[in-house]
């Protein structure tokens, strides 16, 4: 284990800190989206932009051949934001159902 920490490059450590900082809020966003049961106040464009950014980061790692432990954090964040986007569509469907119920 000590060898692992000795082999870490400062740039990789800083990149992990950046990705973890960005990713820390997504689980809370998922919980909020799930409980709220509405898409109101949620931006699909923003979610898709974040997903695109993580996809670009993953692609960069693959193209450069620099696939390392940092890549795992990009993949985790990509998955978590994708879950939040899926909840957006579920909540939009619930919003439409609630709207149709009011119209009756």
N, C-alpha and C. Protein backbone atom coordinates (compact mmCIF):
# COMPACT_ATOMS: atom_id res chain seq x y z
N UNK A 1 0.82 -1.19 0.00
CA UNK A 1 0.00 0.00 0.00
C UNK A 1 0.87 1.25 0.00
N UNK A 2 1.95 1.22 0.74
CA UNK A 2 2.85 2.37 0.79
C UNK A 2 3.43 2.65 -0.59
N UNK A 3 3.71 1.60 -1.35
CA UNK A 3 4.24 1.77 -2.71
C UNK A 3 3.24 2.50 -3.59
N UNK A 4 1.97 2.19 -3.40
CA UNK A 4 0.93 2.85 -4.19
C UNK A 4 0.96 4.35 -3.96
N UNK A 5 1.02 4.76 -2.70
CA UNK A 5 1.02 6.18 -2.38
C UNK A 5 2.28 6.87 -2.85
N UNK A 6 3.40 6.17 -2.85
CA UNK A 6 4.65 6.74 -3.33
C UNK A 6 4.60 6.97 -4.84
N UNK A 7 3.86 6.11 -5.54
CA UNK A 7 3.81 6.20 -7.00
C UNK A 7 2.81 7.24 -7.51
N UNK A 8 2.01 7.81 -6.62
CA UNK A 8 1.01 8.79 -7.04
C UNK A 8 1.68 10.07 -7.51
N UNK A 9 1.20 10.57 -8.62
CA UNK A 9 1.66 11.85 -9.12
C UNK A 9 0.73 12.92 -8.58
N UNK A 10 1.29 14.08 -8.27
CA UNK A 10 0.49 15.17 -7.73
C UNK A 10 -0.65 15.53 -8.69
N UNK A 11 -0.39 15.52 -9.99
CA UNK A 11 -1.44 15.86 -10.95
C UNK A 11 -2.61 14.89 -10.88
N UNK A 12 -2.32 13.60 -10.65
CA UNK A 12 -3.40 12.61 -10.53
C UNK A 12 -4.19 12.84 -9.25
N UNK A 13 -3.51 13.13 -8.16
CA UNK A 13 -4.18 13.38 -6.89
C UNK A 13 -5.09 14.60 -7.02
N UNK A 14 -4.60 15.66 -7.65
CA UNK A 14 -5.40 16.87 -7.83
C UNK A 14 -6.60 16.60 -8.75
N UNK A 15 -6.41 15.77 -9.75
CA UNK A 15 -7.50 15.42 -10.65
C UNK A 15 -8.58 14.64 -9.90
N UNK A 16 -8.17 13.72 -9.05
CA UNK A 16 -9.14 12.97 -8.23
C UNK A 16 -9.91 13.92 -7.33
N UNK A 17 -9.21 14.85 -6.70
CA UNK A 17 -9.88 15.82 -5.83
C UNK A 17 -10.91 16.62 -6.62
N UNK A 18 -10.55 17.05 -7.83
CA UNK A 18 -11.47 17.80 -8.67
C UNK A 18 -12.71 16.97 -9.00
N UNK A 19 -12.49 15.74 -9.46
CA UNK A 19 -13.62 14.89 -9.87
C UNK A 19 -14.49 14.54 -8.67
N UNK A 20 -13.88 14.26 -7.53
CA UNK A 20 -14.66 13.96 -6.32
C UNK A 20 -15.45 15.18 -5.87
N UNK A 21 -14.86 16.35 -5.97
CA UNK A 21 -15.56 17.58 -5.59
C UNK A 21 -16.79 17.79 -6.47
N UNK A 22 -16.62 17.60 -7.78
CA UNK A 22 -17.76 17.74 -8.68
C UNK A 22 -18.79 16.65 -8.41
N UNK A 23 -18.33 15.46 -8.13
CA UNK A 23 -19.22 14.32 -7.96
C UNK A 23 -19.92 14.23 -6.62
N UNK A 24 -19.45 14.96 -5.64
CA UNK A 24 -20.00 14.85 -4.28
C UNK A 24 -21.47 15.24 -4.20
N UNK A 25 -21.89 16.17 -5.02
CA UNK A 25 -23.27 16.66 -4.92
C UNK A 25 -24.28 15.79 -5.67
N UNK A 26 -23.83 14.95 -6.59
CA UNK A 26 -24.78 14.19 -7.40
C UNK A 26 -25.62 13.19 -6.62
N UNK A 27 -25.06 12.46 -5.67
CA UNK A 27 -25.94 11.56 -4.89
C UNK A 27 -27.06 12.32 -4.17
N UNK A 28 -26.75 13.50 -3.67
CA UNK A 28 -27.78 14.32 -3.02
C UNK A 28 -28.84 14.77 -4.02
N UNK A 29 -28.39 15.10 -5.22
CA UNK A 29 -29.32 15.50 -6.27
C UNK A 29 -30.25 14.36 -6.66
N UNK A 30 -29.71 13.15 -6.70
CA UNK A 30 -30.53 11.97 -7.02
C UNK A 30 -31.59 11.76 -5.95
N UNK A 31 -31.20 11.85 -4.70
CA UNK A 31 -32.16 11.68 -3.60
C UNK A 31 -33.26 12.73 -3.69
N UNK A 32 -32.85 13.98 -3.95
CA UNK A 32 -33.82 15.07 -4.05
C UNK A 32 -34.77 14.84 -5.24
N UNK A 33 -34.22 14.43 -6.38
CA UNK A 33 -35.05 14.17 -7.57
C UNK A 33 -36.03 13.03 -7.31
N UNK A 34 -35.55 11.99 -6.66
CA UNK A 34 -36.40 10.83 -6.38
C UNK A 34 -37.55 11.20 -5.45
N UNK A 35 -37.23 11.94 -4.40
CA UNK A 35 -38.26 12.30 -3.42
C UNK A 35 -39.22 13.37 -3.94
N UNK A 36 -38.71 14.30 -4.75
CA UNK A 36 -39.53 15.41 -5.23
C UNK A 36 -40.64 14.95 -6.17
N UNK A 37 -40.35 13.93 -6.97
CA UNK A 37 -41.31 13.39 -7.93
C UNK A 37 -41.83 14.45 -8.90
N UNK A 38 -40.97 15.43 -9.22
CA UNK A 38 -41.29 16.45 -10.21
C UNK A 38 -40.02 16.85 -10.93
N UNK A 39 -40.18 17.22 -12.20
CA UNK A 39 -39.03 17.68 -12.98
C UNK A 39 -38.90 19.19 -12.92
N UNK A 40 -39.82 19.83 -12.24
CA UNK A 40 -39.79 21.29 -12.14
C UNK A 40 -38.51 21.73 -11.42
N UNK A 41 -37.84 22.70 -12.02
CA UNK A 41 -36.61 23.22 -11.43
C UNK A 41 -35.36 22.45 -11.83
N UNK A 42 -35.52 21.41 -12.62
CA UNK A 42 -34.38 20.59 -13.06
C UNK A 42 -34.13 20.90 -14.53
N UNK A 43 -32.86 21.09 -14.90
CA UNK A 43 -32.51 21.41 -16.27
C UNK A 43 -31.93 20.19 -16.98
N UNK A 44 -32.67 19.67 -17.95
CA UNK A 44 -32.18 18.53 -18.73
C UNK A 44 -30.93 18.93 -19.51
N UNK A 45 -30.91 20.13 -20.06
CA UNK A 45 -29.75 20.60 -20.81
C UNK A 45 -28.50 20.57 -19.94
N UNK A 46 -28.62 21.05 -18.71
CA UNK A 46 -27.48 21.05 -17.79
C UNK A 46 -27.00 19.63 -17.51
N UNK A 47 -27.92 18.73 -17.23
CA UNK A 47 -27.55 17.34 -16.96
C UNK A 47 -26.84 16.71 -18.15
N UNK A 48 -27.38 16.94 -19.35
CA UNK A 48 -26.77 16.38 -20.55
C UNK A 48 -25.40 16.99 -20.82
N UNK A 49 -25.23 18.26 -20.51
CA UNK A 49 -23.93 18.91 -20.67
C UNK A 49 -22.90 18.30 -19.73
N UNK A 50 -23.29 18.01 -18.50
CA UNK A 50 -22.39 17.38 -17.54
C UNK A 50 -22.04 15.96 -17.99
N UNK A 51 -23.04 15.21 -18.45
CA UNK A 51 -22.80 13.85 -18.95
C UNK A 51 -21.82 13.90 -20.12
N UNK A 52 -22.03 14.84 -21.04
CA UNK A 52 -21.13 15.00 -22.18
C UNK A 52 -19.71 15.30 -21.71
N UNK A 53 -19.58 16.16 -20.70
CA UNK A 53 -18.26 16.49 -20.17
C UNK A 53 -17.55 15.28 -19.59
N UNK A 54 -18.27 14.47 -18.83
CA UNK A 54 -17.66 13.26 -18.27
C UNK A 54 -17.31 12.27 -19.37
N UNK A 55 -18.17 12.17 -20.39
CA UNK A 55 -17.87 11.28 -21.53
C UNK A 55 -16.60 11.74 -22.24
N UNK A 56 -16.44 13.06 -22.39
CA UNK A 56 -15.23 13.59 -23.01
C UNK A 56 -14.01 13.29 -22.16
N UNK A 57 -14.14 13.40 -20.84
CA UNK A 57 -13.03 13.07 -19.95
C UNK A 57 -12.63 11.61 -20.05
N UNK A 58 -13.62 10.73 -20.11
CA UNK A 58 -13.35 9.29 -20.25
C UNK A 58 -12.69 9.02 -21.59
N UNK A 59 -13.22 9.64 -22.66
CA UNK A 59 -12.64 9.46 -23.99
C UNK A 59 -11.20 9.96 -24.03
N UNK A 60 -10.94 11.07 -23.35
CA UNK A 60 -9.58 11.61 -23.29
C UNK A 60 -8.62 10.61 -22.66
N UNK A 61 -9.07 9.98 -21.58
CA UNK A 61 -8.24 8.98 -20.91
C UNK A 61 -7.95 7.80 -21.84
N UNK A 62 -8.97 7.37 -22.57
CA UNK A 62 -8.80 6.23 -23.48
C UNK A 62 -7.88 6.58 -24.64
N UNK A 63 -8.12 7.73 -25.27
CA UNK A 63 -7.33 8.15 -26.43
C UNK A 63 -5.87 8.37 -26.07
N UNK A 64 -5.63 8.95 -24.89
CA UNK A 64 -4.25 9.23 -24.48
C UNK A 64 -3.55 7.99 -23.94
N UNK A 65 -4.32 6.93 -23.71
CA UNK A 65 -3.74 5.71 -23.13
C UNK A 65 -3.42 5.87 -21.66
N UNK A 66 -3.98 6.91 -21.05
CA UNK A 66 -3.71 7.21 -19.64
C UNK A 66 -4.86 6.71 -18.77
N UNK A 67 -5.22 5.45 -18.96
CA UNK A 67 -6.30 4.86 -18.15
C UNK A 67 -5.70 4.42 -16.83
N UNK A 68 -6.14 5.07 -15.76
CA UNK A 68 -5.64 4.76 -14.42
C UNK A 68 -6.80 4.84 -13.43
N UNK A 69 -6.48 4.82 -12.16
CA UNK A 69 -7.53 4.82 -11.14
C UNK A 69 -8.40 6.07 -11.21
N UNK A 70 -7.90 7.16 -11.72
CA UNK A 70 -8.68 8.39 -11.83
C UNK A 70 -9.87 8.18 -12.77
N UNK A 71 -9.67 7.37 -13.79
CA UNK A 71 -10.72 7.10 -14.77
C UNK A 71 -11.96 6.51 -14.10
N UNK A 72 -11.76 5.73 -13.07
CA UNK A 72 -12.88 5.12 -12.33
C UNK A 72 -13.81 6.20 -11.80
N UNK A 73 -13.25 7.30 -11.31
CA UNK A 73 -14.07 8.38 -10.75
C UNK A 73 -14.86 9.09 -11.85
N UNK A 74 -14.28 9.22 -13.03
CA UNK A 74 -15.02 9.78 -14.17
C UNK A 74 -16.21 8.88 -14.50
N UNK A 75 -15.98 7.58 -14.53
CA UNK A 75 -17.04 6.62 -14.86
C UNK A 75 -18.14 6.66 -13.80
N UNK A 76 -17.75 6.68 -12.53
CA UNK A 76 -18.75 6.74 -11.45
C UNK A 76 -19.60 7.99 -11.59
N UNK A 77 -18.97 9.14 -11.80
CA UNK A 77 -19.73 10.39 -11.95
C UNK A 77 -20.64 10.35 -13.18
N UNK A 78 -20.14 9.79 -14.27
CA UNK A 78 -20.95 9.65 -15.49
C UNK A 78 -22.21 8.84 -15.19
N UNK A 79 -22.06 7.74 -14.48
CA UNK A 79 -23.19 6.88 -14.14
C UNK A 79 -24.17 7.59 -13.22
N UNK A 80 -23.65 8.27 -12.22
CA UNK A 80 -24.51 8.93 -11.24
C UNK A 80 -25.31 10.07 -11.89
N UNK A 81 -24.66 10.86 -12.73
CA UNK A 81 -25.38 11.94 -13.41
C UNK A 81 -26.40 11.36 -14.39
N UNK A 82 -26.08 10.24 -15.01
CA UNK A 82 -27.03 9.58 -15.91
C UNK A 82 -28.26 9.10 -15.14
N UNK A 83 -28.07 8.63 -13.93
CA UNK A 83 -29.21 8.22 -13.08
C UNK A 83 -30.09 9.43 -12.80
N UNK A 84 -29.47 10.57 -12.50
CA UNK A 84 -30.23 11.79 -12.24
C UNK A 84 -31.01 12.20 -13.50
N UNK A 85 -30.40 12.04 -14.67
CA UNK A 85 -31.09 12.36 -15.93
C UNK A 85 -32.27 11.41 -16.14
N UNK A 86 -32.09 10.14 -15.82
CA UNK A 86 -33.19 9.18 -15.94
C UNK A 86 -34.34 9.56 -15.01
N UNK A 87 -34.00 10.01 -13.82
CA UNK A 87 -35.04 10.46 -12.88
C UNK A 87 -35.77 11.69 -13.41
N UNK A 88 -35.08 12.53 -14.16
CA UNK A 88 -35.73 13.68 -14.79
C UNK A 88 -36.87 13.20 -15.69
N UNK A 89 -36.60 12.18 -16.51
CA UNK A 89 -37.63 11.67 -17.42
C UNK A 89 -38.77 11.00 -16.64
N UNK A 90 -38.44 10.28 -15.58
CA UNK A 90 -39.49 9.68 -14.74
C UNK A 90 -40.35 10.79 -14.15
N UNK A 91 -39.70 11.81 -13.62
CA UNK A 91 -40.44 12.89 -12.97
C UNK A 91 -41.27 13.70 -13.96
N UNK A 92 -40.74 13.86 -15.18
CA UNK A 92 -41.51 14.57 -16.21
C UNK A 92 -42.78 13.79 -16.54
N UNK A 93 -42.65 12.47 -16.59
CA UNK A 93 -43.82 11.61 -16.83
C UNK A 93 -44.83 11.75 -15.69
N UNK A 94 -44.34 11.80 -14.46
CA UNK A 94 -45.22 11.99 -13.31
C UNK A 94 -45.90 13.36 -13.35
N UNK A 95 -45.15 14.38 -13.80
CA UNK A 95 -45.73 15.72 -13.93
C UNK A 95 -46.87 15.72 -14.95
N UNK A 96 -46.66 15.04 -16.08
CA UNK A 96 -47.70 14.97 -17.12
C UNK A 96 -48.93 14.22 -16.60
N UNK A 97 -48.71 13.14 -15.86
CA UNK A 97 -49.82 12.38 -15.30
C UNK A 97 -50.61 13.23 -14.30
N UNK A 98 -49.91 13.98 -13.49
CA UNK A 98 -50.57 14.84 -12.51
C UNK A 98 -51.35 15.95 -13.22
N UNK A 99 -50.78 16.47 -14.30
CA UNK A 99 -51.45 17.52 -15.06
C UNK A 99 -52.71 16.98 -15.73
N UNK A 100 -52.62 15.78 -16.28
CA UNK A 100 -53.79 15.16 -16.92
C UNK A 100 -54.89 14.87 -15.90
N UNK A 101 -54.48 14.51 -14.69
CA UNK A 101 -55.44 14.22 -13.63
C UNK A 101 -56.21 15.49 -13.24
N UNK A 102 -55.50 16.63 -13.24
CA UNK A 102 -56.14 17.91 -12.90
C UNK A 102 -57.13 18.34 -13.97
N UNK A 103 -56.82 17.99 -15.23
CA UNK A 103 -57.67 18.39 -16.36
C UNK A 103 -58.99 17.63 -16.39
N UNK A 104 -59.06 16.51 -15.72
CA UNK A 104 -60.28 15.68 -15.76
C UNK A 104 -61.32 16.20 -14.82
